[in-house]
PDB file of N, CA and C in Angstrom:
ATOM      1  N   MET A   1      45.987 -51.256  13.227  1.00  0.00           N
ATOM      2  CA  MET A   1      46.321 -50.113  12.402  1.00  0.00           C
ATOM      3  C   MET A   1      46.287 -48.866  13.272  1.00  0.00           C
ATOM      4  N   SER A   2      47.391 -48.209  13.393  1.00  0.00           N
ATOM      5  CA  SER A   2      47.485 -47.076  14.297  1.00  0.00           C
ATOM      6  C   SER A   2      46.795 -45.832  13.759  1.00  0.00           C
ATOM      7  N   ASP A   3      46.620 -45.739  12.455  1.00  0.00           N
ATOM      8  CA  ASP A   3      46.014 -44.550  11.873  1.00  0.00           C
ATOM      9  C   ASP A   3      44.513 -44.705  11.632  1.00  0.00           C
ATOM     10  N   ALA A   4      43.922 -45.771  12.151  1.00  0.00           N
ATOM     11  CA  ALA A   4      42.507 -46.039  11.906  1.00  0.00           C
ATOM     12  C   ALA A   4      41.641 -44.884  12.408  1.00  0.00           C
ATOM     13  N   TYR A   5      41.980 -44.360  13.575  1.00  0.00           N
ATOM     14  CA  TYR A   5      41.193 -43.259  14.130  1.00  0.00           C
ATOM     15  C   TYR A   5      41.172 -42.068  13.166  1.00  0.00           C
ATOM     16  N   ASP A   6      42.332 -41.721  12.639  1.00  0.00           N
ATOM     17  CA  ASP A   6      42.426 -40.577  11.727  1.00  0.00           C
ATOM     18  C   ASP A   6      41.625 -40.813  10.447  1.00  0.00           C
ATOM     19  N   TYR A   7      41.711 -42.032   9.904  1.00  0.00           N
ATOM     20  CA  TYR A   7      40.972 -42.347   8.677  1.00  0.00           C
ATOM     21  C   TYR A   7      39.460 -42.289   8.909  1.00  0.00           C
ATOM     22  N   PHE A   8      39.005 -42.921   9.979  1.00  0.00           N
ATOM     23  CA  PHE A   8      37.573 -42.938  10.264  1.00  0.00           C
ATOM     24  C   PHE A   8      37.060 -41.527  10.555  1.00  0.00           C
ATOM     25  N   ARG A   9      37.842 -40.736  11.272  1.00  0.00           N
ATOM     26  CA  ARG A   9      37.415 -39.368  11.584  1.00  0.00           C
ATOM     27  C   ARG A   9      37.323 -38.537  10.307  1.00  0.00           C
ATOM     28  N   ALA A  10      38.289 -38.692   9.410  1.00  0.00           N
ATOM     29  CA  ALA A  10      38.254 -37.943   8.150  1.00  0.00           C
ATOM     30  C   ALA A  10      37.029 -38.332   7.325  1.00  0.00           C
ATOM     31  N   HIS A  11      36.711 -39.620   7.296  1.00  0.00           N
ATOM     32  CA  HIS A  11      35.525 -40.062   6.566  1.00  0.00           C
ATOM     33  C   HIS A  11      34.245 -39.542   7.226  1.00  0.00           C
ATOM     34  N   ALA A  12      34.222 -39.500   8.553  1.00  0.00           N
ATOM     35  CA  ALA A  12      33.046 -38.989   9.267  1.00  0.00           C
ATOM     36  C   ALA A  12      32.822 -37.516   8.945  1.00  0.00           C
ATOM     37  N   VAL A  13      33.882 -36.746   8.935  1.00  0.00           N
ATOM     38  CA  VAL A  13      33.763 -35.314   8.633  1.00  0.00           C
ATOM     39  C   VAL A  13      33.305 -35.110   7.194  1.00  0.00           C
ATOM     40  N   ALA A  14      33.901 -35.873   6.275  1.00  0.00           N
ATOM     41  CA  ALA A  14      33.517 -35.742   4.861  1.00  0.00           C
ATOM     42  C   ALA A  14      32.053 -36.126   4.653  1.00  0.00           C
ATOM     43  N   ALA A  15      31.604 -37.191   5.314  1.00  0.00           N
ATOM     44  CA  ALA A  15      30.215 -37.623   5.179  1.00  0.00           C
ATOM     45  C   ALA A  15      29.251 -36.599   5.775  1.00  0.00           C
ATOM     46  N   ALA A  16      29.629 -35.999   6.891  1.00  0.00           N
ATOM     47  CA  ALA A  16      28.769 -34.986   7.514  1.00  0.00           C
ATOM     48  C   ALA A  16      28.668 -33.745   6.622  1.00  0.00           C
ATOM     49  N   LEU A  17      29.772 -33.339   6.044  1.00  0.00           N
ATOM     50  CA  LEU A  17      29.747 -32.173   5.153  1.00  0.00           C
ATOM     51  C   LEU A  17      28.920 -32.445   3.896  1.00  0.00           C
ATOM     52  N   LYS A  18      29.030 -33.668   3.387  1.00  0.00           N
ATOM     53  CA  LYS A  18      28.233 -34.035   2.214  1.00  0.00           C
ATOM     54  C   LYS A  18      26.747 -34.022   2.561  1.00  0.00           C
ATOM     55  N   ALA A  19      26.402 -34.499   3.755  1.00  0.00           N
ATOM     56  CA  ALA A  19      25.003 -34.519   4.182  1.00  0.00           C
ATOM     57  C   ALA A  19      24.455 -33.100   4.305  1.00  0.00           C
ATOM     58  N   ARG A  20      25.283 -32.177   4.743  1.00  0.00           N
ATOM     59  CA  ARG A  20      24.820 -30.791   4.869  1.00  0.00           C
ATOM     60  C   ARG A  20      24.483 -30.180   3.516  1.00  0.00           C
ATOM     61  N   ARG A  21      25.203 -30.589   2.478  1.00  0.00           N
ATOM     62  CA  ARG A  21      24.971 -30.026   1.148  1.00  0.00           C
ATOM     63  C   ARG A  21      23.734 -30.602   0.471  1.00  0.00           C
ATOM     64  N   LEU A  22      23.314 -31.787   0.911  1.00  0.00           N
ATOM     65  CA  LEU A  22      22.180 -32.439   0.268  1.00  0.00           C
ATOM     66  C   LEU A  22      20.863 -31.785   0.684  1.00  0.00           C
ATOM     67  N   PRO A  23      19.851 -31.832  -0.190  1.00  0.00           N
ATOM     68  CA  PRO A  23      18.532 -31.323   0.205  1.00  0.00           C
ATOM     69  C   PRO A  23      17.891 -32.263   1.219  1.00  0.00           C
ATOM     70  N   ARG A  24      16.972 -31.728   1.984  1.00  0.00           N
ATOM     71  CA  ARG A  24      16.299 -32.551   2.994  1.00  0.00           C
ATOM     72  C   ARG A  24      15.588 -33.721   2.330  1.00  0.00           C
ATOM     73  N   GLY A  25      15.646 -34.852   3.011  1.00  0.00           N
ATOM     74  CA  GLY A  25      14.984 -36.029   2.472  1.00  0.00           C
ATOM     75  C   GLY A  25      15.686 -37.306   2.898  1.00  0.00           C
ATOM     76  N   ARG A  26      15.303 -38.382   2.246  1.00  0.00           N
ATOM     77  CA  ARG A  26      15.795 -39.705   2.616  1.00  0.00           C
ATOM     78  C   ARG A  26      17.292 -39.864   2.364  1.00  0.00           C
ATOM     79  N   ILE A  27      17.765 -39.332   1.271  1.00  0.00           N
ATOM     80  CA  ILE A  27      19.189 -39.448   0.952  1.00  0.00           C
ATOM     81  C   ILE A  27      20.030 -38.732   2.010  1.00  0.00           C
ATOM     82  N   ARG A  28      19.593 -37.568   2.418  1.00  0.00           N
ATOM     83  CA  ARG A  28      20.328 -36.821   3.446  1.00  0.00           C
ATOM     84  C   ARG A  28      20.342 -37.587   4.760  1.00  0.00           C
ATOM     85  N   ASP A  29      19.216 -38.194   5.118  1.00  0.00           N
ATOM     86  CA  ASP A  29      19.156 -38.987   6.350  1.00  0.00           C
ATOM     87  C   ASP A  29      20.114 -40.173   6.298  1.00  0.00           C
ATOM     88  N   LYS A  30      20.175 -40.817   5.131  1.00  0.00           N
ATOM     89  CA  LYS A  30      21.106 -41.939   4.967  1.00  0.00           C
ATOM     90  C   LYS A  30      22.551 -41.470   5.089  1.00  0.00           C
ATOM     91  N   GLN A  31      22.852 -40.338   4.509  1.00  0.00           N
ATOM     92  CA  GLN A  31      24.225 -39.817   4.577  1.00  0.00           C
ATOM     93  C   GLN A  31      24.590 -39.440   6.009  1.00  0.00           C
ATOM     94  N   ARG A  32      23.645 -38.911   6.754  1.00  0.00           N
ATOM     95  CA  ARG A  32      23.895 -38.601   8.159  1.00  0.00           C
ATOM     96  C   ARG A  32      24.136 -39.870   8.960  1.00  0.00           C
ATOM     97  N   THR A  33      23.433 -40.953   8.612  1.00  0.00           N
ATOM     98  CA  THR A  33      23.653 -42.237   9.275  1.00  0.00           C
ATOM     99  C   THR A  33      25.056 -42.754   8.988  1.00  0.00           C
ATOM    100  N   VAL A  34      25.495 -42.608   7.758  1.00  0.00           N
ATOM    101  CA  VAL A  34      26.860 -43.010   7.393  1.00  0.00           C
ATOM    102  C   VAL A  34      27.871 -42.215   8.224  1.00  0.00           C
ATOM    103  N   ALA A  35      27.651 -40.924   8.373  1.00  0.00           N
ATOM    104  CA  ALA A  35      28.560 -40.089   9.169  1.00  0.00           C
ATOM    105  C   ALA A  35      28.580 -40.547  10.618  1.00  0.00           C
ATOM    106  N   ARG A  36      27.426 -40.901  11.155  1.00  0.00           N
ATOM    107  CA  ARG A  36      27.373 -41.375  12.548  1.00  0.00           C
ATOM    108  C   ARG A  36      28.117 -42.689  12.718  1.00  0.00           C
ATOM    109  N   VAL A  37      27.988 -43.588  11.749  1.00  0.00           N
ATOM    110  CA  VAL A  37      28.687 -44.874  11.825  1.00  0.00           C
ATOM    111  C   VAL A  37      30.199 -44.657  11.801  1.00  0.00           C
ATOM    112  N   TYR A  38      30.670 -43.816  10.895  1.00  0.00           N
ATOM    113  CA  TYR A  38      32.104 -43.526  10.856  1.00  0.00           C
ATOM    114  C   TYR A  38      32.570 -42.875  12.155  1.00  0.00           C
ATOM    115  N   HIS A  39      31.741 -42.026  12.726  1.00  0.00           N
ATOM    116  CA  HIS A  39      32.097 -41.385  13.990  1.00  0.00           C
ATOM    117  C   HIS A  39      32.215 -42.429  15.103  1.00  0.00           C
ATOM    118  N   LEU A  40      31.288 -43.367  15.165  1.00  0.00           N
ATOM    119  CA  LEU A  40      31.366 -44.431  16.168  1.00  0.00           C
ATOM    120  C   LEU A  40      32.597 -45.312  15.942  1.00  0.00           C
ATOM    121  N   LEU A  41      32.902 -45.615  14.690  1.00  0.00           N
ATOM    122  CA  LEU A  41      34.104 -46.399  14.407  1.00  0.00           C
ATOM    123  C   LEU A  41      35.366 -45.661  14.848  1.00  0.00           C
ATOM    124  N   ALA A  42      35.386 -44.359  14.650  1.00  0.00           N
ATOM    125  CA  ALA A  42      36.537 -43.567  15.076  1.00  0.00           C
ATOM    126  C   ALA A  42      36.667 -43.596  16.595  1.00  0.00           C
ATOM    127  N   LYS A  43      35.537 -43.496  17.290  1.00  0.00           N
ATOM    128  CA  LYS A  43      35.584 -43.536  18.750  1.00  0.00           C
ATOM    129  C   LYS A  43      36.074 -44.883  19.249  1.00  0.00           C
ATOM    130  N   LYS A  44      35.650 -45.961  18.597  1.00  0.00           N
ATOM    131  CA  LYS A  44      36.051 -47.299  19.018  1.00  0.00           C
ATOM    132  C   LYS A  44      37.517 -47.584  18.710  1.00  0.00           C
ATOM    133  N   SER A  45      38.054 -46.982  17.662  1.00  0.00           N
ATOM    134  CA  SER A  45      39.432 -47.251  17.286  1.00  0.00           C
ATOM    135  C   SER A  45      40.413 -46.269  17.918  1.00  0.00           C
ATOM    136  N   ALA A  46      39.916 -45.350  18.724  1.00  0.00           N
ATOM    137  CA  ALA A  46      40.797 -44.379  19.370  1.00  0.00           C
ATOM    138  C   ALA A  46      41.734 -45.115  20.328  1.00  0.00           C
ATOM    139  N   PRO A  47      42.955 -44.657  20.438  1.00  0.00           N
ATOM    140  CA  PRO A  47      43.897 -45.325  21.332  1.00  0.00           C
ATOM    141  C   PRO A  47      43.434 -45.232  22.778  1.00  0.00           C
ATOM    142  N   GLY A  48      43.553 -46.333  23.480  1.00  0.00           N
ATOM    143  CA  GLY A  48      43.153 -46.378  24.882  1.00  0.00           C
ATOM    144  C   GLY A  48      44.280 -45.933  25.787  1.00  0.00           C
ATOM    145  N   PRO A  49      44.039 -45.960  27.079  1.00  0.00           N
ATOM    146  CA  PRO A  49      45.091 -45.560  28.019  1.00  0.00           C
ATOM    147  C   PRO A  49      46.242 -46.563  28.002  1.00  0.00           C
ATOM    148  N   ASP A  50      47.414 -46.080  28.260  1.00  0.00           N
ATOM    149  CA  ASP A  50      48.606 -46.918  28.287  1.00  0.00           C
ATOM    150  C   ASP A  50      48.692 -47.574  29.665  1.00  0.00           C
ATOM    151  N   ILE A  51      48.184 -48.800  29.780  1.00  0.00           N
ATOM    152  CA  ILE A  51      48.105 -49.508  31.055  1.00  0.00           C
ATOM    153  C   ILE A  51      49.500 -49.775  31.610  1.00  0.00           C
ATOM    154  N   GLN A  52      50.437 -50.086  30.746  1.00  0.00           N
ATOM    155  CA  GLN A  52      51.788 -50.379  31.204  1.00  0.00           C
ATOM    156  C   GLN A  52      52.408 -49.156  31.878  1.00  0.00           C
ATOM    157  N   ARG A  53      52.155 -47.988  31.329  1.00  0.00           N
ATOM    158  CA  ARG A  53      52.687 -46.761  31.934  1.00  0.00           C
ATOM    159  C   ARG A  53      52.047 -46.518  33.291  1.00  0.00           C
ATOM    160  N   LEU A  54      50.758 -46.806  33.428  1.00  0.00           N
ATOM    161  CA  LEU A  54      50.081 -46.625  34.708  1.00  0.00           C
ATOM    162  C   LEU A  54      50.640 -47.572  35.764  1.00  0.00           C
ATOM    163  N   ASP A  55      50.937 -48.817  35.373  1.00  0.00           N
ATOM    164  CA  ASP A  55      51.526 -49.767  36.318  1.00  0.00           C
ATOM    165  C   ASP A  55      52.893 -49.296  36.787  1.00  0.00           C
ATOM    166  N   ASP A  56      53.694 -48.751  35.866  1.00  0.00           N
ATOM    167  CA  ASP A  56      55.010 -48.223  36.244  1.00  0.00           C
ATOM    168  C   ASP A  56      54.860 -47.050  37.203  1.00  0.00           C
ATOM    169  N   TYR A  57      53.873 -46.203  36.957  1.00  0.00           N
ATOM    170  CA  TYR A  57      53.635 -45.052  37.834  1.00  0.00           C
ATOM    171  C   TYR A  57      53.240 -45.516  39.234  1.00  0.00           C
ATOM    172  N   ARG A  58      52.370 -46.513  39.316  1.00  0.00           N
ATOM    173  CA  ARG A  58      51.943 -47.025  40.630  1.00  0.00           C
ATOM    174  C   ARG A  58      53.107 -47.654  41.380  1.00  0.00           C
ATOM    175  N   ALA A  59      53.951 -48.389  40.676  1.00  0.00           N
ATOM    176  CA  ALA A  59      55.110 -49.013  41.321  1.00  0.00           C
ATOM    177  C   ALA A  59      56.075 -47.954  41.846  1.00  0.00           C
ATOM    178  N   ALA A  60      56.324 -46.911  41.057  1.00  0.00           N
ATOM    179  CA  ALA A  60      57.213 -45.834  41.512  1.00  0.00           C
ATOM    180  C   ALA A  60      56.612 -45.086  42.694  1.00  0.00           C
ATOM    181  N   ARG A  61      55.316 -44.884  42.641  1.00  0.00           N
ATOM    182  CA  ARG A  61      54.635 -44.180  43.743  1.00  0.00           C
ATOM    183  C   ARG A  61      54.717 -44.998  45.022  1.00  0.00           C
ATOM    184  N   PHE A  62      54.548 -46.317  44.917  1.00  0.00           N
ATOM    185  CA  PHE A  62      54.639 -47.188  46.091  1.00  0.00           C
ATOM    186  C   PHE A  62      56.061 -47.208  46.629  1.00  0.00           C
ATOM    187  N   ALA A  63      57.069 -47.214  45.723  1.00  0.00           N
ATOM    188  CA  ALA A  63      58.464 -47.249  46.154  1.00  0.00           C
ATOM    189  C   ALA A  63      58.839 -45.977  46.901  1.00  0.00           C
ATOM    190  N   ASN A  64      58.224 -44.860  46.560  1.00  0.00           N
ATOM    191  CA  ASN A  64      58.536 -43.595  47.229  1.00  0.00           C
ATOM    192  C   ASN A  64      57.698 -43.352  48.467  1.00  0.00           C
ATOM    193  N   SER A  65      56.747 -44.201  48.738  1.00  0.00           N
ATOM    194  CA  SER A  65      55.879 -43.979  49.903  1.00  0.00           C
ATOM    195  C   SER A  65      56.562 -44.473  51.173  1.00  0.00           C
ATOM    196  N   PRO A  66      56.152 -43.948  52.332  1.00  0.00           N
ATOM    197  CA  PRO A  66      56.742 -44.399  53.608  1.00  0.00           C
ATOM    198  C   PRO A  66      56.444 -45.872  53.908  1.00  0.00           C
ATOM    199  N   ARG A  67      55.404 -46.418  53.349  1.00  0.00           N
ATOM    200  CA  ARG A  67      55.059 -47.824  53.612  1.00  0.00           C
ATOM    201  C   ARG A  67      56.084 -48.773  53.009  1.00  0.00           C
ATOM    202  N   ALA A  68      56.786 -48.349  51.957  1.00  0.00           N
ATOM    203  CA  ALA A  68      57.719 -49.225  51.248  1.00  0.00           C
ATOM    204  C   ALA A  68      58.983 -49.476  52.068  1.00  0.00           C
ATOM    205  N   ILE A  69      59.252 -48.661  53.056  1.00  0.00           N
ATOM    206  CA  ILE A  69      60.497 -48.789  53.832  1.00  0.00           C
ATOM    207  C   ILE A  69      60.357 -49.773  54.945  1.00  0.00           C
TER     208      ILE A  69
END
């Protein structure tokens, strides 16, 4: 799912804002934990580097180098 990062980030922000509104105590701590979990999920689902593009860049760089001739 390509939009997973956006969904998880939106839930993390909403959970953090809800935790700020709650009075201090156990419920607030639990809500902050929920926000942290969503934040970690967003970080894990973030798109990684495009390896294929890097390979193309390395091949082009090698082709233009003096060693390639």
